[in-house]
Amino acid sequence: MQHLQLERKLGVWACLSIVAGSVIGTSIFMKPATMAGQMGSPLLLLLIWLVAGVISIFGGMINAEIGTMLPITGGQYAWFRLMYGEFFAFLYGWASMIVINTAAIGAICFIAAQYTGYFILFPHFSTFFENAVVIHLPLIGDFYPIQHAGLKGAAMILVVVLTAVNHRSISTGGNLQIILTVLKIAALLFLLSCIFFLGKGSVSNFSANGAQMKYSLWSILTGIIAATSGALAAYDGWNNLGFVAGEIKAPQKNIPRGMIGGLAICISLYLLTTMAYLYMLPIDEMKNSPLVATDALSKAVGNGAASIIALLVILSAAGAANGNILPCARITFAMAKNHLFFPWGGAIDAKYHTPYGALWLQCGIACLFIITGSFDMLADLFVFVSWLFYGFGAYGIIILRKKMPLADRPYQLQYYPWIPWIFIFFASFYFIITVYNDIHHYQMGVSKTINSALG
C-alpha cells in the first residue's frame, strides 16, 4: 500500500468552486441583519463587507505565493512545518482535526438540517427529557446532547453522504463541488434578480442612516469592530484550497486563480446581496429582521418566499459542507504520512486513490460535534481558532522569504511586507475581540458556553 499516491485531478474550475463554495455558506442569509444593527449606516455596512473581503483577498494572496512555492497536500500544516517546525505544525494539524475543520463541517450541516426542517417535521424528545440529559464542563458551559435529536440525525446523514462521495473519488468530489457552487451562485443571482427587477424598493435606502445611529467616534468605532468580526466570519474558508495543493493540476497557475478569483466572486455576491436587502428594507427595518433574506424577498414576490430561501440555504450549506469535507481531511492525511499521527490516518483507498482513513475520522468527529453543539457555538468555536492560525500563516511568509530567499515563486505577493502585516493586525484584532465578547456574553448570561475557551 505504500506505493499508492494521491492524484492531481483538480482543475481551475474545481479550484474556483472550492474557494467560492467553502466561503459562501449560510452567513449571507443572516449576518447582514445583525451587522445592520451594529452599524446603523448602510454605506458603512457595505464598506465593512468590502474591507473584510479585501482582508480575505490579502490572505488568499499570501497563501497563493506559499501554495505555488510549496504545492503539496496538507496546505497550512505542511507549510507550518517549514515555517515553525514539527511541533507547531502538529498543533495546527491537531487543532484542524479536533476543532477547526470538523466543527465547521458540523456547523454547516446543522444549518442545512435546520432549513430542511421547513419541509420535514423531525422527531424529537420531550423538552423535559432533552433538558434532563446535560454534560457540564467547568468554566466552559453546559451541553444538551439529545436536544433536537431528529435534526441532528439529519445533519449527520448529510456529513456521511458527502464523506462517502469524496471517498469514492477526488474527481467526483471535485465535480460535485463545481455543480453545487454553480447552483448556489445561480440561486443567489435568482434571488438578486427577483428583488432588483420585481421588487419595488428604494435606492434612497442606500444612504439613509438609522434613526438610532450614534455619531460619536467611539460608537462608530465599536460598531465597526463588531460588524467586521461578523464579516470576517462570513468570509472564512478561503484557505481550504491549500489543503489539496498536491492534487491540483498545474498548481502554479490554478492556485492563484482559484484563491483570488474565488474570493472576488464572494465579495461581489456579498455586496450585491446586501444591497438587495437594503433596496427592499431600510436599515432600521433590516436590523430587526432575523430572517432578512426571507423578509426582503417576501416584499418583492409575496408569499412563498420562505420556501425559496429555505431551498437556497440548504443548497448553499451543502456546497459549503462539501467544500470543507473534500480538502480538510488532507491535513490529517499529511500528518500521518509525516509520522505525527496514527498510520491509518494516511491510508489511501487502493481503488479510488483517496485518503479514506482521514475522511472517515473527520466524519466521525464532525458527527460528535453535531450531537453536542449548536450552529452558533460551533461557528464561534471554529472561526476563533481558524483566525488564530491565519495570523501565524501570514507571519510565516515573512519567515519563508528570509529562510528560502532563492526558492522558485511562480506567484509572488505584491506590496510585501505591507500586506502580511496588515493581515496579521486584523487576525490579532479578531482574536482579542472574540475572547472579550465570549467572556462578556457568558458573564451576562447571553451564552451558556465560552466558545473561544472551548476552542
Protein backbone atom coordinates (compact mmCIF):
# COMPACT_ATOMS: atom_id res chain seq x y z
CA MET A 1 0.00 0.00 0.00
CA GLN A 2 2.95 2.37 0.48
CA HIS A 3 3.30 2.99 -3.28
CA LEU A 4 -0.18 4.49 -3.56
CA GLN A 5 -0.27 8.26 -4.12
CA LEU A 6 -2.95 10.94 -4.33
CA GLU A 7 -3.51 12.09 -7.92
CA ARG A 8 -3.56 15.59 -9.46
CA LYS A 9 -7.08 15.76 -10.89
CA LEU A 10 -8.43 19.17 -9.79
CA GLY A 11 -8.52 21.86 -12.50
CA VAL A 12 -9.12 25.61 -12.34
CA TRP A 13 -12.92 25.27 -12.13
CA ALA A 14 -12.63 22.89 -9.18
CA CYS A 15 -10.22 25.36 -7.52
CA LEU A 16 -12.62 28.26 -8.01
CA SER A 17 -15.53 26.19 -6.71
CA ILE A 18 -13.63 25.01 -3.61
CA VAL A 19 -12.88 28.62 -2.60
CA ALA A 20 -16.26 30.13 -3.51
CA GLY A 21 -18.17 27.06 -2.34
CA SER A 22 -16.37 26.95 1.02
CA VAL A 23 -16.82 30.67 1.72
CA ILE A 24 -20.41 31.20 0.57
CA GLY A 25 -22.38 29.31 3.16
CA THR A 26 -25.30 30.42 5.32
CA SER A 27 -23.96 33.67 6.80
CA ILE A 28 -25.12 35.87 3.92
CA PHE A 29 -28.73 34.88 4.71
CA MET A 30 -28.46 36.00 8.36
CA LYS A 31 -25.38 38.10 9.16
CA PRO A 32 -26.39 41.32 7.31
CA ALA A 33 -29.28 41.94 9.73
CA THR A 34 -27.01 41.68 12.78
CA MET A 35 -24.40 43.86 11.13
CA ALA A 36 -27.06 46.46 10.22
CA GLY A 37 -27.93 46.80 13.90
CA GLN A 38 -24.25 47.19 14.80
CA MET A 39 -23.58 49.85 12.16
CA GLY A 40 -26.78 51.88 11.68
CA SER A 41 -25.41 53.14 8.36
CA PRO A 42 -26.00 51.36 5.01
CA LEU A 43 -22.89 52.86 3.43
CA LEU A 44 -20.70 51.78 6.35
CA LEU A 45 -22.32 48.34 6.22
CA LEU A 46 -21.34 47.93 2.56
CA LEU A 47 -17.87 49.28 3.33
CA ILE A 48 -17.39 46.64 6.05
CA TRP A 49 -18.21 43.85 3.57
CA LEU A 50 -15.69 45.32 1.14
CA VAL A 51 -12.93 45.77 3.73
CA ALA A 52 -13.37 42.27 5.16
CA GLY A 53 -13.31 40.91 1.61
CA VAL A 54 -10.10 42.76 0.82
CA ILE A 55 -8.50 41.39 4.01
CA SER A 56 -9.55 37.90 2.92
CA ILE A 57 -8.07 38.59 -0.55
CA PHE A 58 -4.83 39.52 1.22
CA GLY A 59 -4.92 36.15 2.98
CA GLY A 60 -5.60 34.43 -0.34
CA MET A 61 -2.68 36.25 -1.98
CA ILE A 62 -0.37 35.21 0.87
CA ASN A 63 -1.47 31.59 0.55
CA ALA A 64 -1.17 31.78 -3.25
CA GLU A 65 2.55 32.60 -3.01
CA ILE A 66 3.17 29.87 -0.45
CA GLY A 67 0.95 27.35 -2.24
CA THR A 68 2.62 27.80 -5.64
CA MET A 69 6.03 27.63 -3.97
CA LEU A 70 5.03 24.52 -1.96
CA PRO A 71 2.25 22.75 -3.94
CA ILE A 72 1.92 19.80 -1.57
CA THR A 73 -1.07 18.15 0.09
CA GLY A 74 -1.76 19.37 3.62
CA GLY A 75 -1.79 23.11 2.98
CA GLN A 76 -1.02 25.19 6.03
CA TYR A 77 0.00 22.14 8.03
CA ALA A 78 2.75 21.30 5.52
CA TRP A 79 3.76 24.96 5.27
CA PHE A 80 3.92 25.35 9.08
CA ARG A 81 6.45 22.51 9.20
CA LEU A 82 8.87 24.66 7.20
CA MET A 83 7.92 27.91 8.92
CA TYR A 84 7.87 26.92 12.59
CA GLY A 85 8.90 23.27 12.83
CA GLU A 86 7.28 19.92 13.59
CA PHE A 87 5.72 20.80 16.96
CA PHE A 88 3.82 23.89 15.79
CA ALA A 89 2.70 22.05 12.65
CA PHE A 90 1.39 19.22 14.84
CA LEU A 91 -0.54 21.73 16.99
CA TYR A 92 -2.19 23.16 13.88
CA GLY A 93 -2.93 19.71 12.45
CA TRP A 94 -4.43 18.58 15.75
CA ALA A 95 -6.49 21.80 16.06
CA SER A 96 -7.73 21.38 12.49
CA MET A 97 -8.80 17.80 13.06
CA ILE A 98 -10.30 18.21 16.52
CA VAL A 99 -11.83 21.71 16.22
CA ILE A 100 -11.43 23.87 13.11
CA ASN A 101 -12.50 21.70 10.20
CA THR A 102 -14.72 19.22 11.99
CA ALA A 103 -16.65 21.93 13.86
CA ALA A 104 -17.04 23.86 10.60
CA ILE A 105 -18.48 20.82 8.84
CA GLY A 106 -20.78 20.15 11.79
CA ALA A 107 -22.00 23.76 11.92
CA ILE A 108 -22.76 23.94 8.20
CA CYS A 109 -24.61 20.61 8.12
CA PHE A 110 -26.53 21.64 11.25
CA ILE A 111 -27.85 24.71 9.39
CA ALA A 112 -28.72 22.62 6.32
CA ALA A 113 -30.75 20.30 8.55
CA GLN A 114 -32.45 23.23 10.30
CA TYR A 115 -33.74 24.58 7.00
CA THR A 116 -34.70 21.09 5.81
CA GLY A 117 -36.99 21.15 8.85
CA TYR A 118 -39.03 23.77 7.00
CA PHE A 119 -40.22 20.95 4.71
CA ILE A 120 -39.88 17.92 7.01
CA LEU A 121 -41.04 17.60 10.62
CA PHE A 122 -38.16 15.97 12.52
CA PRO A 123 -38.90 13.77 15.57
CA HIS A 124 -37.67 14.93 18.96
CA PHE A 125 -37.83 14.06 22.66
CA SER A 126 -39.90 15.97 25.19
CA THR A 127 -38.45 19.24 26.48
CA PHE A 128 -38.17 17.79 29.99
CA PHE A 129 -36.18 14.79 28.79
CA GLU A 130 -33.99 16.93 26.49
CA ASN A 131 -33.04 19.22 29.37
CA ALA A 132 -32.56 16.33 31.81
CA VAL A 133 -29.56 14.96 29.91
CA VAL A 134 -26.79 17.52 30.37
CA ILE A 135 -23.00 17.46 30.19
CA HIS A 136 -21.26 20.15 32.26
CA LEU A 137 -17.67 21.24 31.66
CA PRO A 138 -16.29 23.59 34.36
CA LEU A 139 -15.54 27.14 33.12
CA ILE A 140 -16.84 26.13 29.69
CA GLY A 141 -20.59 25.59 30.00
CA ASP A 142 -23.39 23.05 29.56
CA PHE A 143 -24.20 20.75 26.62
CA TYR A 144 -27.51 19.03 25.87
CA PRO A 145 -26.70 16.09 23.55
CA ILE A 146 -30.24 14.81 22.94
CA GLN A 147 -31.82 18.17 22.16
CA HIS A 148 -33.21 18.30 18.58
CA ALA A 149 -32.40 14.62 18.06
CA GLY A 150 -34.08 14.31 14.66
CA LEU A 151 -32.48 17.48 13.34
CA LYS A 152 -29.05 16.34 14.50
CA GLY A 153 -29.62 12.97 12.87
CA ALA A 154 -30.37 14.64 9.53
CA ALA A 155 -27.21 16.74 9.83
CA MET A 156 -25.11 13.63 10.49
CA ILE A 157 -26.64 11.84 7.49
CA LEU A 158 -25.52 14.75 5.27
CA VAL A 159 -21.96 14.50 6.66
CA VAL A 160 -21.88 10.74 5.99
CA VAL A 161 -23.26 11.05 2.43
CA LEU A 162 -20.80 13.80 1.42
CA THR A 163 -17.91 11.88 3.01
CA ALA A 164 -18.89 8.77 1.03
CA VAL A 165 -18.91 10.81 -2.21
CA ASN A 166 -15.43 12.15 -1.51
CA HIS A 167 -14.19 8.69 -0.50
CA ARG A 168 -15.25 7.32 -3.86
CA SER A 169 -13.25 9.80 -5.97
CA ILE A 170 -11.42 13.12 -5.78
CA SER A 171 -12.80 13.80 -9.26
CA THR A 172 -16.35 13.00 -8.13
CA GLY A 173 -15.95 15.21 -5.07
CA GLY A 174 -14.46 17.99 -7.22
CA ASN A 175 -17.22 17.69 -9.83
CA LEU A 176 -19.89 17.71 -7.11
CA GLN A 177 -18.30 20.86 -5.70
CA ILE A 178 -18.42 22.54 -9.11
CA ILE A 179 -22.10 21.59 -9.54
CA LEU A 180 -23.10 22.74 -6.03
CA THR A 181 -21.17 26.01 -6.37
CA VAL A 182 -22.68 26.81 -9.79
CA LEU A 183 -26.18 26.04 -8.46
CA LYS A 184 -25.51 28.11 -5.34
CA ILE A 185 -24.33 31.13 -7.33
CA ALA A 186 -27.21 30.75 -9.80
CA ALA A 187 -29.67 30.62 -6.89
CA LEU A 188 -28.19 33.79 -5.36
CA LEU A 189 -28.36 35.53 -8.74
CA PHE A 190 -32.01 34.44 -8.98
CA LEU A 191 -32.64 35.98 -5.55
CA LEU A 192 -30.95 39.23 -6.63
CA SER A 193 -32.90 39.33 -9.89
CA CYS A 194 -36.24 38.86 -8.13
CA ILE A 195 -35.51 41.69 -5.71
CA PHE A 196 -33.98 44.20 -8.13
CA PHE A 197 -36.34 43.58 -11.07
CA LEU A 198 -39.60 42.63 -9.36
CA GLY A 199 -39.28 44.42 -6.03
CA LYS A 200 -40.47 47.97 -5.52
CA GLY A 201 -37.72 49.10 -3.20
CA SER A 202 -35.96 52.43 -2.88
CA VAL A 203 -32.41 53.46 -3.75
CA SER A 204 -32.67 56.08 -1.00
CA ASN A 205 -32.27 53.23 1.49
CA PHE A 206 -28.61 53.01 0.45
CA SER A 207 -27.83 56.41 2.02
CA ALA A 208 -30.45 56.82 4.80
CA ASN A 209 -28.91 56.18 8.23
CA GLY A 210 -30.92 54.57 11.02
CA ALA A 211 -32.87 56.71 13.49
CA GLN A 212 -30.93 55.29 16.44
CA MET A 213 -27.47 55.69 14.91
CA LYS A 214 -24.97 57.32 17.28
CA TYR A 215 -22.47 59.64 15.66
CA SER A 216 -19.81 59.72 18.38
CA LEU A 217 -16.40 58.43 17.29
CA TRP A 218 -16.41 55.70 19.96
CA SER A 219 -19.88 54.44 18.99
CA ILE A 220 -18.94 54.27 15.32
CA LEU A 221 -15.65 52.52 16.14
CA THR A 222 -17.25 49.86 18.35
CA GLY A 223 -19.92 49.26 15.69
CA ILE A 224 -17.26 48.82 13.01
CA ILE A 225 -15.33 46.38 15.22
CA ALA A 226 -18.40 44.24 15.91
CA ALA A 227 -19.60 44.24 12.28
CA THR A 228 -16.13 43.50 10.90
CA SER A 229 -15.91 40.47 13.17
CA GLY A 230 -19.14 39.12 11.66
CA ALA A 231 -18.00 39.82 8.10
CA LEU A 232 -14.65 38.07 8.62
CA ALA A 233 -16.56 35.04 9.86
CA ALA A 234 -18.70 35.09 6.72
CA TYR A 235 -15.58 35.07 4.51
CA ASP A 236 -13.99 32.17 6.39
CA GLY A 237 -12.95 29.13 4.35
CA TRP A 238 -10.78 30.82 1.71
CA ASN A 239 -7.70 28.85 2.82
CA ASN A 240 -9.20 25.40 2.08
CA LEU A 241 -7.67 25.27 -1.40
CA GLY A 242 -4.17 24.90 0.03
CA PHE A 243 -5.10 21.60 1.67
CA VAL A 244 -5.44 19.91 -1.74
CA ALA A 245 -2.47 21.64 -3.38
CA GLY A 246 -0.92 18.22 -4.04
CA GLU A 247 -3.99 17.18 -6.06
CA ILE A 248 -4.28 20.30 -8.26
CA LYS A 249 -3.29 20.21 -11.93
CA ALA A 250 -0.81 22.96 -12.90
CA PRO A 251 -0.79 24.32 -9.32
CA GLN A 252 1.45 27.29 -10.21
CA LYS A 253 -1.40 28.69 -12.34
CA ASN A 254 -4.52 27.25 -10.76
CA ILE A 255 -3.83 28.02 -7.09
CA PRO A 256 -3.65 31.84 -7.51
CA ARG A 257 -6.54 31.76 -9.97
CA GLY A 258 -8.65 29.77 -7.54
CA MET A 259 -7.69 31.81 -4.46
CA ILE A 260 -8.10 35.30 -5.90
CA GLY A 261 -10.83 34.55 -8.45
CA GLY A 262 -12.93 32.62 -5.94
CA LEU A 263 -12.74 35.41 -3.36
CA ALA A 264 -13.55 38.04 -5.98
CA ILE A 265 -16.77 36.11 -6.71
CA CYS A 266 -17.59 36.01 -2.99
CA ILE A 267 -17.01 39.74 -2.47
CA SER A 268 -19.20 40.62 -5.46
CA LEU A 269 -22.05 38.37 -4.33
CA TYR A 270 -21.90 39.54 -0.69
CA LEU A 271 -22.02 43.21 -1.71
CA LEU A 272 -24.83 42.68 -4.23
CA THR A 273 -26.89 40.57 -1.82
CA THR A 274 -26.56 43.14 1.00
CA MET A 275 -27.53 45.88 -1.47
CA ALA A 276 -30.59 43.84 -2.44
CA TYR A 277 -31.65 43.57 1.22
CA LEU A 278 -31.14 47.32 1.67
CA TYR A 279 -33.09 48.07 -1.51
CA MET A 280 -36.18 46.43 -0.01
CA LEU A 281 -35.61 47.12 3.71
CA PRO A 282 -34.49 50.43 5.29
CA ILE A 283 -31.62 49.95 7.72
CA ASP A 284 -33.90 50.19 10.80
CA GLU A 285 -36.24 47.53 9.40
CA MET A 286 -33.34 45.38 8.28
CA LYS A 287 -31.69 45.28 11.71
CA ASN A 288 -34.91 43.91 13.28
CA SER A 289 -35.26 41.17 10.69
CA PRO A 290 -33.79 37.83 11.88
CA LEU A 291 -34.79 36.27 8.53
CA VAL A 292 -33.61 39.18 6.42
CA ALA A 293 -33.43 37.26 3.14
CA THR A 294 -36.97 35.95 3.55
CA ASP A 295 -38.34 39.38 4.50
CA ALA A 296 -36.64 41.13 1.58
CA LEU A 297 -37.81 38.53 -0.94
CA SER A 298 -41.34 38.49 0.52
CA LYS A 299 -41.63 42.20 -0.20
CA ALA A 300 -40.56 41.55 -3.79
CA VAL A 301 -42.53 38.42 -4.73
CA GLY A 302 -45.04 37.91 -1.92
CA ASN A 303 -45.94 34.57 -0.33
CA GLY A 304 -43.71 31.61 -0.98
CA ALA A 305 -40.50 33.50 -0.23
CA ALA A 306 -39.79 31.45 2.89
CA SER A 307 -39.69 28.15 0.97
CA ILE A 308 -37.46 29.68 -1.73
CA ILE A 309 -34.99 30.96 0.88
CA ALA A 310 -35.04 27.59 2.69
CA LEU A 311 -34.04 25.85 -0.55
CA LEU A 312 -31.31 28.45 -1.17
CA VAL A 313 -29.87 27.93 2.31
CA ILE A 314 -29.93 24.11 2.00
CA LEU A 315 -28.17 24.31 -1.36
CA SER A 316 -25.65 26.84 -0.08
CA ALA A 317 -24.93 24.81 3.06
CA ALA A 318 -24.48 21.56 1.12
CA GLY A 319 -21.93 23.24 -1.16
CA ALA A 320 -20.08 24.75 1.80
CA ALA A 321 -20.05 21.41 3.63
CA ASN A 322 -18.62 19.57 0.62
CA GLY A 323 -16.12 22.41 0.16
CA ASN A 324 -14.81 21.63 3.65
CA ILE A 325 -15.04 17.83 3.59
CA LEU A 326 -13.14 17.46 0.31
CA PRO A 327 -9.91 19.33 1.23
CA CYS A 328 -9.75 19.37 5.03
CA ALA A 329 -9.16 15.65 5.60
CA ARG A 330 -5.86 16.10 3.75
CA ILE A 331 -4.33 17.68 6.88
CA THR A 332 -4.78 14.52 8.94
CA PHE A 333 -3.57 12.52 5.94
CA ALA A 334 -0.38 14.64 5.72
CA MET A 335 0.20 14.33 9.48
CA ALA A 336 0.01 10.54 9.29
CA LYS A 337 2.43 10.48 6.34
CA ASN A 338 4.87 12.52 8.46
CA HIS A 339 4.50 10.05 11.37
CA LEU A 340 2.77 12.67 13.57
CA PHE A 341 -0.49 10.72 13.68
CA PHE A 342 -1.67 7.10 13.63
CA PRO A 343 -0.64 5.34 10.39
CA TRP A 344 -4.24 4.54 9.40
CA GLY A 345 -4.82 8.31 9.08
CA GLY A 346 -2.65 8.18 5.97
CA ALA A 347 -4.40 5.19 4.41
CA ILE A 348 -5.21 5.52 0.68
CA ASP A 349 -8.01 3.55 -0.93
CA ALA A 350 -6.41 1.18 -3.46
CA LYS A 351 -9.31 1.54 -5.89
CA TYR A 352 -10.24 5.22 -5.60
CA HIS A 353 -6.87 6.75 -4.56
CA THR A 354 -8.49 8.87 -1.84
CA PRO A 355 -7.44 9.29 1.85
CA TYR A 356 -10.33 7.29 3.27
CA GLY A 357 -8.88 6.91 6.79
CA ALA A 358 -8.65 10.67 7.31
CA LEU A 359 -12.03 11.27 5.62
CA TRP A 360 -13.97 8.93 7.89
CA LEU A 361 -12.16 10.10 11.03
CA GLN A 362 -13.14 13.66 10.10
CA CYS A 363 -16.72 12.45 9.56
CA GLY A 364 -16.88 10.83 13.00
CA ILE A 365 -15.59 13.89 14.87
CA ALA A 366 -17.93 16.20 12.94
CA CYS A 367 -20.86 13.99 13.96
CA LEU A 368 -19.79 14.19 17.62
CA PHE A 369 -19.80 17.99 17.38
CA ILE A 370 -23.30 17.90 15.89
CA ILE A 371 -24.54 15.78 18.80
CA THR A 372 -23.11 18.09 21.47
CA GLY A 373 -23.43 21.53 19.88
CA SER A 374 -25.49 24.08 18.01
CA PHE A 375 -24.76 26.23 14.97
CA ASP A 376 -23.81 29.37 16.92
CA MET A 377 -21.50 27.50 19.28
CA LEU A 378 -19.80 25.54 16.50
CA ALA A 379 -19.42 28.60 14.25
CA ASP A 380 -17.82 30.71 17.00
CA LEU A 381 -15.61 27.80 18.01
CA PHE A 382 -14.06 27.06 14.61
CA VAL A 383 -13.80 30.67 13.39
CA PHE A 384 -11.94 31.76 16.52
CA VAL A 385 -9.32 29.01 16.28
CA SER A 386 -9.02 29.48 12.50
CA TRP A 387 -8.09 33.14 12.73
CA LEU A 388 -5.50 32.43 15.40
CA PHE A 389 -3.62 30.28 12.89
CA TYR A 390 -4.34 32.59 9.93
CA GLY A 391 -2.22 35.22 11.69
CA PHE A 392 0.64 32.75 12.13
CA GLY A 393 0.32 31.79 8.46
CA ALA A 394 0.70 35.43 7.39
CA TYR A 395 3.80 35.85 9.54
CA GLY A 396 5.09 32.60 8.06
CA ILE A 397 5.51 34.18 4.61
CA ILE A 398 7.96 36.63 6.19
CA ILE A 399 9.84 33.68 7.68
CA LEU A 400 9.95 31.85 4.32
CA ARG A 401 11.20 34.96 2.49
CA LYS A 402 14.16 35.01 4.90
CA LYS A 403 14.66 31.24 5.19
CA MET A 404 14.27 30.41 1.47
CA PRO A 405 15.14 33.61 -0.43
CA LEU A 406 16.16 31.82 -3.64
CA ALA A 407 13.21 29.42 -3.86
CA ASP A 408 11.14 29.49 -7.05
CA ARG A 409 7.99 31.60 -6.52
CA PRO A 410 5.74 31.29 -9.61
CA TYR A 411 3.33 33.74 -7.96
CA GLN A 412 4.96 36.48 -5.87
CA LEU A 413 2.99 38.59 -3.40
CA GLN A 414 2.87 42.27 -4.30
CA TYR A 415 3.30 45.08 -1.74
CA TYR A 416 5.40 42.89 0.54
CA PRO A 417 5.67 43.19 3.59
CA TRP A 418 2.71 45.58 3.95
CA ILE A 419 0.02 43.06 3.06
CA PRO A 420 1.23 40.40 5.56
CA TRP A 421 1.49 42.96 8.37
CA ILE A 422 -1.99 44.37 7.67
CA PHE A 423 -3.38 40.84 7.72
CA ILE A 424 -1.56 40.00 10.97
CA PHE A 425 -3.07 43.11 12.59
CA PHE A 426 -6.59 42.06 11.62
CA ALA A 427 -6.06 38.48 12.79
CA SER A 428 -4.81 39.75 16.16
CA PHE A 429 -7.75 42.14 16.39
CA TYR A 430 -10.21 39.34 15.65
CA PHE A 431 -8.62 37.13 18.32
CA ILE A 432 -8.83 39.80 21.05
CA ILE A 433 -12.38 40.91 20.22
CA THR A 434 -13.69 37.34 20.11
CA VAL A 435 -12.25 36.44 23.53
CA TYR A 436 -13.64 39.64 25.05
CA ASN A 437 -17.13 39.17 23.57
CA ASP A 438 -17.33 35.49 24.53
CA ILE A 439 -16.42 36.15 28.18
CA HIS A 440 -18.77 39.16 28.33
CA HIS A 441 -21.69 37.21 26.86
CA TYR A 442 -21.08 34.31 29.28
CA GLN A 443 -20.99 36.67 32.28
CA MET A 444 -24.19 38.40 31.13
CA GLY A 445 -25.97 35.06 30.66
CA VAL A 446 -26.38 35.57 26.91
CA SER A 447 -24.36 32.41 26.13
CA LYS A 448 -24.17 29.11 28.01
CA THR A 449 -20.59 28.48 26.86
CA ILE A 450 -17.36 30.45 26.43
CA ASN A 451 -16.83 29.22 22.88
CA SER A 452 -13.31 30.58 22.41
CA ALA A 453 -12.20 28.90 25.65
CA LEU A 454 -13.70 25.61 24.46
CA GLY A 455 -11.84 26.02 21.16
